[in-house]
Full PDB file with SEQRES, HELIX, SHEET, SSBOND, CRYST1, ORIGX, SCALE, CONECT and MASTER records, all heavy atoms in Angstrom:
SEQRES   1 A   34  GLY PHE GLY LEU ARG TYR GLY LYS TYR ALA ILE ILE SER          
SEQRES   2 A   34  ALA ILE ILE ILE LYS LYS TYR LEU ASP ASN ASN SER LEU          
SEQRES   3 A   34  GLU SER TYR THR GLU ASP THR LEU                              
HELIX    1 AA1 GLY A    3  TYR A    6  1                                   4    
HELIX    2 AA2 LYS A    8  LYS A   18  1                                  11    
HELIX    3 AA3 TYR A   20  ASP A   22  5                                   3    
HELIX    4 AA4 LEU A   26  SER A   28  5                                   3    
HELIX    5 AA5 TYR A   29  THR A   33  1                                   5    
CRYST1    1.000    1.000    1.000  90.00  90.00  90.00 P 1           1          
ORIGX1      1.000000  0.000000  0.000000        0.00000                         
ORIGX2      0.000000  1.000000  0.000000        0.00000                         
ORIGX3      0.000000  0.000000  1.000000        0.00000                         
SCALE1      1.000000  0.000000  0.000000        0.00000                         
SCALE2      0.000000  1.000000  0.000000        0.00000                         
SCALE3      0.000000  0.000000  1.000000        0.00000                         
ATOM      1  N   GLY A   1     -17.078   3.528 -25.947  1.00  0.00           N  
ATOM      2  CA  GLY A   1     -17.673   2.211 -25.906  1.00  0.00           C  
ATOM      3  C   GLY A   1     -16.588   1.136 -25.750  1.00  0.00           C  
ATOM      4  O   GLY A   1     -15.628   1.338 -25.024  1.00  0.00           O  
ATOM      5  N   PHE A   2     -16.735   0.038 -26.449  1.00  0.00           N  
ATOM      6  CA  PHE A   2     -15.789  -1.090 -26.402  1.00  0.00           C  
ATOM      7  C   PHE A   2     -14.850  -1.086 -27.624  1.00  0.00           C  
ATOM      8  O   PHE A   2     -14.143  -2.065 -27.866  1.00  0.00           O  
ATOM      9  CB  PHE A   2     -16.531  -2.368 -26.323  1.00  0.00           C  
ATOM     10  CG  PHE A   2     -17.228  -2.625 -25.021  1.00  0.00           C  
ATOM     11  CD1 PHE A   2     -18.485  -2.129 -24.789  1.00  0.00           C  
ATOM     12  CD2 PHE A   2     -16.604  -3.324 -23.964  1.00  0.00           C  
ATOM     13  CE1 PHE A   2     -19.146  -2.328 -23.563  1.00  0.00           C  
ATOM     14  CE2 PHE A   2     -17.192  -3.529 -22.792  1.00  0.00           C  
ATOM     15  CZ  PHE A   2     -18.517  -3.041 -22.575  1.00  0.00           C  
ATOM     16  N   GLY A   3     -14.808   0.076 -28.313  1.00  0.00           N  
ATOM     17  CA  GLY A   3     -13.972   0.126 -29.521  1.00  0.00           C  
ATOM     18  C   GLY A   3     -12.497  -0.065 -29.229  1.00  0.00           C  
ATOM     19  O   GLY A   3     -11.831  -0.845 -29.978  1.00  0.00           O  
ATOM     20  N   LEU A   4     -11.960   0.585 -28.233  1.00  0.00           N  
ATOM     21  CA  LEU A   4     -10.519   0.464 -27.970  1.00  0.00           C  
ATOM     22  C   LEU A   4     -10.219  -0.878 -27.366  1.00  0.00           C  
ATOM     23  O   LEU A   4      -9.084  -1.415 -27.555  1.00  0.00           O  
ATOM     24  CB  LEU A   4     -10.049   1.588 -27.022  1.00  0.00           C  
ATOM     25  CG  LEU A   4     -10.019   3.012 -27.602  1.00  0.00           C  
ATOM     26  CD1 LEU A   4      -9.636   4.012 -26.534  1.00  0.00           C  
ATOM     27  CD2 LEU A   4      -9.043   3.091 -28.797  1.00  0.00           C  
ATOM     28  N   ARG A   5     -11.107  -1.484 -26.689  1.00  0.00           N  
ATOM     29  CA  ARG A   5     -10.831  -2.782 -26.025  1.00  0.00           C  
ATOM     30  C   ARG A   5     -10.917  -3.918 -27.024  1.00  0.00           C  
ATOM     31  O   ARG A   5     -10.028  -4.794 -26.996  1.00  0.00           O  
ATOM     32  CB  ARG A   5     -11.841  -2.999 -24.890  1.00  0.00           C  
ATOM     33  CG  ARG A   5     -11.575  -4.250 -24.107  1.00  0.00           C  
ATOM     34  CD  ARG A   5     -12.456  -4.352 -22.902  1.00  0.00           C  
ATOM     35  NE  ARG A   5     -12.156  -5.539 -22.125  1.00  0.00           N  
ATOM     36  CZ  ARG A   5     -12.774  -5.900 -20.967  1.00  0.00           C  
ATOM     37  NH1 ARG A   5     -13.758  -5.144 -20.533  1.00  0.00           N  
ATOM     38  NH2 ARG A   5     -12.459  -6.990 -20.329  1.00  0.00           N  
ATOM     39  N   TYR A   6     -11.934  -3.937 -27.876  1.00  0.00           N  
ATOM     40  CA  TYR A   6     -12.139  -5.088 -28.790  1.00  0.00           C  
ATOM     41  C   TYR A   6     -12.118  -4.753 -30.250  1.00  0.00           C  
ATOM     42  O   TYR A   6     -11.958  -5.598 -31.102  1.00  0.00           O  
ATOM     43  CB  TYR A   6     -13.487  -5.756 -28.476  1.00  0.00           C  
ATOM     44  CG  TYR A   6     -13.655  -6.281 -27.089  1.00  0.00           C  
ATOM     45  CD1 TYR A   6     -14.740  -5.887 -26.283  1.00  0.00           C  
ATOM     46  CD2 TYR A   6     -12.768  -7.227 -26.528  1.00  0.00           C  
ATOM     47  CE1 TYR A   6     -14.911  -6.378 -25.012  1.00  0.00           C  
ATOM     48  CE2 TYR A   6     -12.968  -7.716 -25.280  1.00  0.00           C  
ATOM     49  CZ  TYR A   6     -14.026  -7.284 -24.512  1.00  0.00           C  
ATOM     50  OH  TYR A   6     -14.203  -7.823 -23.296  1.00  0.00           O  
ATOM     51  N   GLY A   7     -12.315  -3.416 -30.541  1.00  0.00           N  
ATOM     52  CA  GLY A   7     -12.677  -3.094 -31.918  1.00  0.00           C  
ATOM     53  C   GLY A   7     -11.722  -2.203 -32.730  1.00  0.00           C  
ATOM     54  O   GLY A   7     -12.135  -1.502 -33.618  1.00  0.00           O  
ATOM     55  N   LYS A   8     -10.428  -2.362 -32.427  1.00  0.00           N  
ATOM     56  CA  LYS A   8      -9.461  -1.485 -33.153  1.00  0.00           C  
ATOM     57  C   LYS A   8      -9.506  -1.748 -34.663  1.00  0.00           C  
ATOM     58  O   LYS A   8      -9.471  -0.818 -35.463  1.00  0.00           O  
ATOM     59  CB  LYS A   8      -8.062  -1.641 -32.613  1.00  0.00           C  
ATOM     60  CG  LYS A   8      -7.810  -1.058 -31.246  1.00  0.00           C  
ATOM     61  CD  LYS A   8      -6.317  -0.991 -30.970  1.00  0.00           C  
ATOM     62  CE  LYS A   8      -6.035  -0.525 -29.534  1.00  0.00           C  
ATOM     63  NZ  LYS A   8      -6.306  -1.501 -28.482  1.00  0.00           N  
ATOM     64  N   TYR A   9      -9.542  -3.007 -35.074  1.00  0.00           N  
ATOM     65  CA  TYR A   9      -9.597  -3.312 -36.531  1.00  0.00           C  
ATOM     66  C   TYR A   9     -10.915  -2.806 -37.103  1.00  0.00           C  
ATOM     67  O   TYR A   9     -10.979  -2.396 -38.251  1.00  0.00           O  
ATOM     68  CB  TYR A   9      -9.375  -4.824 -36.762  1.00  0.00           C  
ATOM     69  CG  TYR A   9      -7.970  -5.234 -36.446  1.00  0.00           C  
ATOM     70  CD1 TYR A   9      -7.675  -6.094 -35.427  1.00  0.00           C  
ATOM     71  CD2 TYR A   9      -6.892  -4.763 -37.228  1.00  0.00           C  
ATOM     72  CE1 TYR A   9      -6.374  -6.516 -35.193  1.00  0.00           C  
ATOM     73  CE2 TYR A   9      -5.596  -5.118 -36.996  1.00  0.00           C  
ATOM     74  CZ  TYR A   9      -5.322  -6.028 -35.946  1.00  0.00           C  
ATOM     75  OH  TYR A   9      -4.025  -6.435 -35.691  1.00  0.00           O  
ATOM     76  N   ALA A  10     -11.980  -2.881 -36.319  1.00  0.00           N  
ATOM     77  CA  ALA A  10     -13.259  -2.349 -36.793  1.00  0.00           C  
ATOM     78  C   ALA A  10     -13.208  -0.866 -37.000  1.00  0.00           C  
ATOM     79  O   ALA A  10     -13.689  -0.325 -37.962  1.00  0.00           O  
ATOM     80  CB  ALA A  10     -14.369  -2.737 -35.785  1.00  0.00           C  
ATOM     81  N   ILE A  11     -12.529  -0.166 -36.092  1.00  0.00           N  
ATOM     82  CA  ILE A  11     -12.401   1.314 -36.200  1.00  0.00           C  
ATOM     83  C   ILE A  11     -11.576   1.614 -37.452  1.00  0.00           C  
ATOM     84  O   ILE A  11     -11.843   2.564 -38.226  1.00  0.00           O  
ATOM     85  CB  ILE A  11     -11.683   1.889 -34.930  1.00  0.00           C  
ATOM     86  CG1 ILE A  11     -12.670   1.717 -33.737  1.00  0.00           C  
ATOM     87  CG2 ILE A  11     -11.371   3.350 -35.128  1.00  0.00           C  
ATOM     88  CD1 ILE A  11     -12.006   2.036 -32.394  1.00  0.00           C  
ATOM     89  N   ILE A  12     -10.489   0.857 -37.717  1.00  0.00           N  
ATOM     90  CA  ILE A  12      -9.681   1.070 -38.896  1.00  0.00           C  
ATOM     91  C   ILE A  12     -10.557   0.908 -40.127  1.00  0.00           C  
ATOM     92  O   ILE A  12     -10.493   1.699 -41.113  1.00  0.00           O  
ATOM     93  CB  ILE A  12      -8.523   0.083 -38.980  1.00  0.00           C  
ATOM     94  CG1 ILE A  12      -7.516   0.313 -37.817  1.00  0.00           C  
ATOM     95  CG2 ILE A  12      -7.795   0.120 -40.295  1.00  0.00           C  
ATOM     96  CD1 ILE A  12      -6.900   1.711 -37.833  1.00  0.00           C  
ATOM     97  N   SER A  13     -11.378  -0.129 -40.159  1.00  0.00           N  
ATOM     98  CA  SER A  13     -12.256  -0.372 -41.309  1.00  0.00           C  
ATOM     99  C   SER A  13     -13.192   0.807 -41.515  1.00  0.00           C  
ATOM    100  O   SER A  13     -13.422   1.262 -42.657  1.00  0.00           O  
ATOM    101  CB  SER A  13     -13.075  -1.640 -41.060  1.00  0.00           C  
ATOM    102  OG  SER A  13     -13.688  -2.118 -42.272  1.00  0.00           O  
ATOM    103  N   ALA A  14     -13.708   1.354 -40.434  1.00  0.00           N  
ATOM    104  CA  ALA A  14     -14.595   2.527 -40.569  1.00  0.00           C  
ATOM    105  C   ALA A  14     -13.865   3.729 -41.036  1.00  0.00           C  
ATOM    106  O   ALA A  14     -14.365   4.529 -41.843  1.00  0.00           O  
ATOM    107  CB  ALA A  14     -15.232   2.787 -39.189  1.00  0.00           C  
ATOM    108  N   ILE A  15     -12.644   3.937 -40.566  1.00  0.00           N  
ATOM    109  CA  ILE A  15     -11.844   5.096 -41.000  1.00  0.00           C  
ATOM    110  C   ILE A  15     -11.599   4.983 -42.488  1.00  0.00           C  
ATOM    111  O   ILE A  15     -11.653   6.045 -43.232  1.00  0.00           O  
ATOM    112  CB  ILE A  15     -10.490   5.181 -40.231  1.00  0.00           C  
ATOM    113  CG1 ILE A  15     -10.713   5.458 -38.759  1.00  0.00           C  
ATOM    114  CG2 ILE A  15      -9.587   6.216 -40.852  1.00  0.00           C  
ATOM    115  CD1 ILE A  15      -9.512   5.359 -37.902  1.00  0.00           C  
ATOM    116  N   ILE A  16     -11.256   3.790 -42.971  1.00  0.00           N  
ATOM    117  CA  ILE A  16     -11.000   3.644 -44.399  1.00  0.00           C  
ATOM    118  C   ILE A  16     -12.251   3.947 -45.218  1.00  0.00           C  
ATOM    119  O   ILE A  16     -12.244   4.619 -46.263  1.00  0.00           O  
ATOM    120  CB  ILE A  16     -10.545   2.214 -44.734  1.00  0.00           C  
ATOM    121  CG1 ILE A  16      -9.143   1.956 -44.055  1.00  0.00           C  
ATOM    122  CG2 ILE A  16     -10.462   1.929 -46.215  1.00  0.00           C  
ATOM    123  CD1 ILE A  16      -8.043   2.837 -44.535  1.00  0.00           C  
ATOM    124  N   ILE A  17     -13.372   3.488 -44.748  1.00  0.00           N  
ATOM    125  CA  ILE A  17     -14.687   3.720 -45.471  1.00  0.00           C  
ATOM    126  C   ILE A  17     -15.040   5.209 -45.509  1.00  0.00           C  
ATOM    127  O   ILE A  17     -15.364   5.760 -46.553  1.00  0.00           O  
ATOM    128  CB  ILE A  17     -15.796   2.919 -44.822  1.00  0.00           C  
ATOM    129  CG1 ILE A  17     -15.649   1.415 -45.068  1.00  0.00           C  
ATOM    130  CG2 ILE A  17     -17.174   3.388 -45.299  1.00  0.00           C  
ATOM    131  CD1 ILE A  17     -16.636   0.537 -44.335  1.00  0.00           C  
ATOM    132  N   LYS A  18     -14.956   5.821 -44.356  1.00  0.00           N  
ATOM    133  CA  LYS A  18     -15.496   7.236 -44.315  1.00  0.00           C  
ATOM    134  C   LYS A  18     -14.438   8.326 -44.511  1.00  0.00           C  
ATOM    135  O   LYS A  18     -14.799   9.341 -45.081  1.00  0.00           O  
ATOM    136  CB  LYS A  18     -16.146   7.447 -42.935  1.00  0.00           C  
ATOM    137  CG  LYS A  18     -16.852   8.818 -42.852  1.00  0.00           C  
ATOM    138  CD  LYS A  18     -17.573   9.001 -41.566  1.00  0.00           C  
ATOM    139  CE  LYS A  18     -18.207  10.382 -41.555  1.00  0.00           C  
ATOM    140  NZ  LYS A  18     -18.839  10.718 -40.287  1.00  0.00           N  
ATOM    141  N   LYS A  19     -13.184   8.034 -44.083  1.00  0.00           N  
ATOM    142  CA  LYS A  19     -12.244   9.150 -44.088  1.00  0.00           C  
ATOM    143  C   LYS A  19     -11.094   9.013 -45.091  1.00  0.00           C  
ATOM    144  O   LYS A  19     -10.574  10.062 -45.568  1.00  0.00           O  
ATOM    145  CB  LYS A  19     -11.607   9.275 -42.704  1.00  0.00           C  
ATOM    146  CG  LYS A  19     -12.591   9.735 -41.617  1.00  0.00           C  
ATOM    147  CD  LYS A  19     -12.975  11.187 -41.859  1.00  0.00           C  
ATOM    148  CE  LYS A  19     -13.900  11.717 -40.763  1.00  0.00           C  
ATOM    149  NZ  LYS A  19     -14.283  13.111 -41.027  1.00  0.00           N  
ATOM    150  N   TYR A  20     -10.635   7.856 -45.403  1.00  0.00           N  
ATOM    151  CA  TYR A  20      -9.448   7.639 -46.163  1.00  0.00           C  
ATOM    152  C   TYR A  20      -9.487   8.373 -47.480  1.00  0.00           C  
ATOM    153  O   TYR A  20      -8.600   9.128 -47.860  1.00  0.00           O  
ATOM    154  CB  TYR A  20      -9.152   6.143 -46.365  1.00  0.00           C  
ATOM    155  CG  TYR A  20      -8.004   5.890 -47.270  1.00  0.00           C  
ATOM    156  CD1 TYR A  20      -6.703   6.123 -46.850  1.00  0.00           C  
ATOM    157  CD2 TYR A  20      -8.166   5.421 -48.564  1.00  0.00           C  
ATOM    158  CE1 TYR A  20      -5.586   5.890 -47.699  1.00  0.00           C  
ATOM    159  CE2 TYR A  20      -7.080   5.172 -49.396  1.00  0.00           C  
ATOM    160  CZ  TYR A  20      -5.849   5.368 -48.970  1.00  0.00           C  
ATOM    161  OH  TYR A  20      -4.773   5.177 -49.756  1.00  0.00           O  
ATOM    162  N   LEU A  21     -10.573   8.185 -48.240  1.00  0.00           N  
ATOM    163  CA  LEU A  21     -10.630   8.826 -49.535  1.00  0.00           C  
ATOM    164  C   LEU A  21     -11.164  10.251 -49.490  1.00  0.00           C  
ATOM    165  O   LEU A  21     -11.210  10.904 -50.504  1.00  0.00           O  
ATOM    166  CB  LEU A  21     -11.571   7.999 -50.482  1.00  0.00           C  
ATOM    167  CG  LEU A  21     -11.040   6.565 -50.807  1.00  0.00           C  
ATOM    168  CD1 LEU A  21     -12.088   5.780 -51.603  1.00  0.00           C  
ATOM    169  CD2 LEU A  21      -9.738   6.712 -51.563  1.00  0.00           C  
ATOM    170  N   ASP A  22     -11.520  10.694 -48.337  1.00  0.00           N  
ATOM    171  CA  ASP A  22     -12.045  12.051 -48.226  1.00  0.00           C  
ATOM    172  C   ASP A  22     -10.976  13.140 -47.978  1.00  0.00           C  
ATOM    173  O   ASP A  22     -11.206  14.322 -48.014  1.00  0.00           O  
ATOM    174  CB  ASP A  22     -13.000  12.157 -47.045  1.00  0.00           C  
ATOM    175  CG  ASP A  22     -14.273  11.382 -47.265  1.00  0.00           C  
ATOM    176  OD1 ASP A  22     -14.481  10.987 -48.416  1.00  0.00           O  
ATOM    177  OD2 ASP A  22     -15.012  11.150 -46.295  1.00  0.00           O  
ATOM    178  N   ASN A  23      -9.720  12.648 -47.777  1.00  0.00           N  
ATOM    179  CA  ASN A  23      -8.646  13.543 -47.454  1.00  0.00           C  
ATOM    180  C   ASN A  23      -7.572  13.479 -48.516  1.00  0.00           C  
ATOM    181  O   ASN A  23      -7.475  12.557 -49.245  1.00  0.00           O  
ATOM    182  CB  ASN A  23      -8.081  13.248 -46.078  1.00  0.00           C  
ATOM    183  CG  ASN A  23      -9.140  13.425 -44.989  1.00  0.00           C  
ATOM    184  OD1 ASN A  23      -9.457  14.543 -44.668  1.00  0.00           O  
ATOM    185  ND2 ASN A  23      -9.663  12.320 -44.474  1.00  0.00           N  
ATOM    186  N   ASN A  24      -6.691  14.460 -48.485  1.00  0.00           N  
ATOM    187  CA  ASN A  24      -5.615  14.465 -49.539  1.00  0.00           C  
ATOM    188  C   ASN A  24      -4.236  14.450 -48.884  1.00  0.00           C  
ATOM    189  O   ASN A  24      -3.281  14.873 -49.482  1.00  0.00           O  
ATOM    190  CB  ASN A  24      -5.735  15.709 -50.413  1.00  0.00           C  
ATOM    191  CG  ASN A  24      -5.718  16.987 -49.629  1.00  0.00           C  
ATOM    192  OD1 ASN A  24      -5.423  16.984 -48.433  1.00  0.00           O  
ATOM    193  ND2 ASN A  24      -5.988  18.083 -50.293  1.00  0.00           N  
ATOM    194  N   SER A  25      -4.126  13.962 -47.647  1.00  0.00           N  
ATOM    195  CA  SER A  25      -2.829  13.923 -47.000  1.00  0.00           C  
ATOM    196  C   SER A  25      -2.824  12.895 -45.941  1.00  0.00           C  
ATOM    197  O   SER A  25      -3.802  12.653 -45.224  1.00  0.00           O  
ATOM    198  CB  SER A  25      -2.487  15.272 -46.350  1.00  0.00           C  
ATOM    199  OG  SER A  25      -1.288  15.139 -45.616  1.00  0.00           O  
ATOM    200  N   LEU A  26      -1.712  12.133 -45.803  1.00  0.00           N  
ATOM    201  CA  LEU A  26      -1.510  11.186 -44.698  1.00  0.00           C  
ATOM    202  C   LEU A  26      -1.462  11.838 -43.350  1.00  0.00           C  
ATOM    203  O   LEU A  26      -1.726  11.225 -42.344  1.00  0.00           O  
ATOM    204  CB  LEU A  26      -0.229  10.425 -44.908  1.00  0.00           C  
ATOM    205  CG  LEU A  26      -0.130   9.415 -46.116  1.00  0.00           C  
ATOM    206  CD1 LEU A  26       1.256   8.845 -46.249  1.00  0.00           C  
ATOM    207  CD2 LEU A  26      -1.121   8.289 -45.914  1.00  0.00           C  
ATOM    208  N   GLU A  27      -1.176  13.153 -43.373  1.00  0.00           N  
ATOM    209  CA  GLU A  27      -1.008  13.837 -42.111  1.00  0.00           C  
ATOM    210  C   GLU A  27      -2.329  13.981 -41.371  1.00  0.00           C  
ATOM    211  O   GLU A  27      -2.287  14.354 -40.131  1.00  0.00           O  
ATOM    212  CB  GLU A  27      -0.430  15.274 -42.394  1.00  0.00           C  
ATOM    213  CG  GLU A  27       0.845  15.320 -43.111  1.00  0.00           C  
ATOM    214  CD  GLU A  27       1.948  14.573 -42.313  1.00  0.00           C  
ATOM    215  OE1 GLU A  27       1.988  14.721 -41.120  1.00  0.00           O  
ATOM    216  OE2 GLU A  27       2.799  13.915 -42.953  1.00  0.00           O  
ATOM    217  N   SER A  28      -3.468  13.668 -41.944  1.00  0.00           N  
ATOM    218  CA  SER A  28      -4.709  13.849 -41.274  1.00  0.00           C  
ATOM    219  C   SER A  28      -5.093  12.606 -40.434  1.00  0.00           C  
ATOM    220  O   SER A  28      -6.216  12.581 -39.922  1.00  0.00           O  
ATOM    221  CB  SER A  28      -5.821  14.122 -42.310  1.00  0.00           C  
ATOM    222  OG  SER A  28      -6.028  13.017 -43.115  1.00  0.00           O  
ATOM    223  N   TYR A  29      -4.184  11.704 -40.272  1.00  0.00           N  
ATOM    224  CA  TYR A  29      -4.602  10.418 -39.608  1.00  0.00           C  
ATOM    225  C   TYR A  29      -5.023  10.603 -38.182  1.00  0.00           C  
ATOM    226  O   TYR A  29      -5.948   9.916 -37.709  1.00  0.00           O  
ATOM    227  CB  TYR A  29      -3.459   9.400 -39.681  1.00  0.00           C  
ATOM    228  CG  TYR A  29      -2.302   9.624 -38.720  1.00  0.00           C  
ATOM    229  CD1 TYR A  29      -2.245   9.064 -37.508  1.00  0.00           C  
ATOM    230  CD2 TYR A  29      -1.198  10.434 -39.152  1.00  0.00           C  
ATOM    231  CE1 TYR A  29      -1.243   9.290 -36.632  1.00  0.00           C  
ATOM    232  CE2 TYR A  29      -0.171  10.647 -38.295  1.00  0.00           C  
ATOM    233  CZ  TYR A  29      -0.166  10.115 -37.020  1.00  0.00           C  
ATOM    234  OH  TYR A  29       0.906  10.316 -36.182  1.00  0.00           O  
ATOM    235  N   THR A  30      -4.421  11.602 -37.395  1.00  0.00           N  
ATOM    236  CA  THR A  30      -4.946  11.776 -36.075  1.00  0.00           C  
ATOM    237  C   THR A  30      -6.300  12.358 -36.022  1.00  0.00           C  
ATOM    238  O   THR A  30      -7.196  11.910 -35.288  1.00  0.00           O  
ATOM    239  CB  THR A  30      -3.987  12.693 -35.281  1.00  0.00           C  
ATOM    240  OG1 THR A  30      -3.834  13.963 -36.016  1.00  0.00           O  
ATOM    241  CG2 THR A  30      -2.602  12.092 -35.172  1.00  0.00           C  
ATOM    242  N   GLU A  31      -6.534  13.362 -36.906  1.00  0.00           N  
ATOM    243  CA  GLU A  31      -7.868  14.036 -36.944  1.00  0.00           C  
ATOM    244  C   GLU A  31      -8.927  12.970 -37.406  1.00  0.00           C  
ATOM    245  O   GLU A  31     -10.039  12.919 -36.828  1.00  0.00           O  
ATOM    246  CB  GLU A  31      -7.802  15.156 -37.927  1.00  0.00           C  
ATOM    247  CG  GLU A  31      -9.128  15.833 -38.192  1.00  0.00           C  
ATOM    248  CD  GLU A  31      -9.014  16.857 -39.261  1.00  0.00           C  
ATOM    249  OE1 GLU A  31      -7.868  17.335 -39.523  1.00  0.00           O  
ATOM    250  OE2 GLU A  31     -10.090  17.248 -39.860  1.00  0.00           O  
ATOM    251  N   ASP A  32      -8.602  12.157 -38.385  1.00  0.00           N  
ATOM    252  CA  ASP A  32      -9.497  11.186 -38.906  1.00  0.00           C  
ATOM    253  C   ASP A  32      -9.833  10.105 -37.894  1.00  0.00           C  
ATOM    254  O   ASP A  32     -11.013   9.696 -37.708  1.00  0.00           O  
ATOM    255  CB  ASP A  32      -8.918  10.517 -40.143  1.00  0.00           C  
ATOM    256  CG  ASP A  32      -8.762  11.468 -41.301  1.00  0.00           C  
ATOM    257  OD1 ASP A  32      -9.301  12.567 -41.282  1.00  0.00           O  
ATOM    258  OD2 ASP A  32      -7.990  11.122 -42.252  1.00  0.00           O  
ATOM    259  N   THR A  33      -8.849   9.673 -37.155  1.00  0.00           N  
ATOM    260  CA  THR A  33      -9.020   8.661 -36.115  1.00  0.00           C  
ATOM    261  C   THR A  33      -9.962   9.188 -35.023  1.00  0.00           C  
ATOM    262  O   THR A  33     -10.895   8.491 -34.535  1.00  0.00           O  
ATOM    263  CB  THR A  33      -7.672   8.247 -35.512  1.00  0.00           C  
ATOM    264  OG1 THR A  33      -6.828   7.754 -36.556  1.00  0.00           O  
ATOM    265  CG2 THR A  33      -7.870   7.149 -34.475  1.00  0.00           C  
ATOM    266  N   LEU A  34      -9.702  10.396 -34.540  1.00  0.00           N  
ATOM    267  CA  LEU A  34     -10.532  10.939 -33.498  1.00  0.00           C  
ATOM    268  C   LEU A  34     -11.934  11.173 -33.956  1.00  0.00           C  
ATOM    269  O   LEU A  34     -12.904  10.963 -33.177  1.00  0.00           O  
ATOM    270  CB  LEU A  34      -9.908  12.299 -33.012  1.00  0.00           C  
ATOM    271  CG  LEU A  34      -8.696  12.198 -32.153  1.00  0.00           C  
ATOM    272  CD1 LEU A  34      -8.103  13.586 -31.872  1.00  0.00           C  
ATOM    273  CD2 LEU A  34      -9.027  11.480 -30.826  1.00  0.00           C  
TER     274      LEU A  34                                                      
MASTER        0    0    0    5    0    0    0    6  273    1    0    3          
END                                                                             
């Protein structure tokens, strides 16, 4: 969609909500982002 063009900060916000606390390692950032 338009996420990469306009919504990078929105994607970050979503990653924090859904993924950040669900994992136990910083190493998962690529998997979480995708």
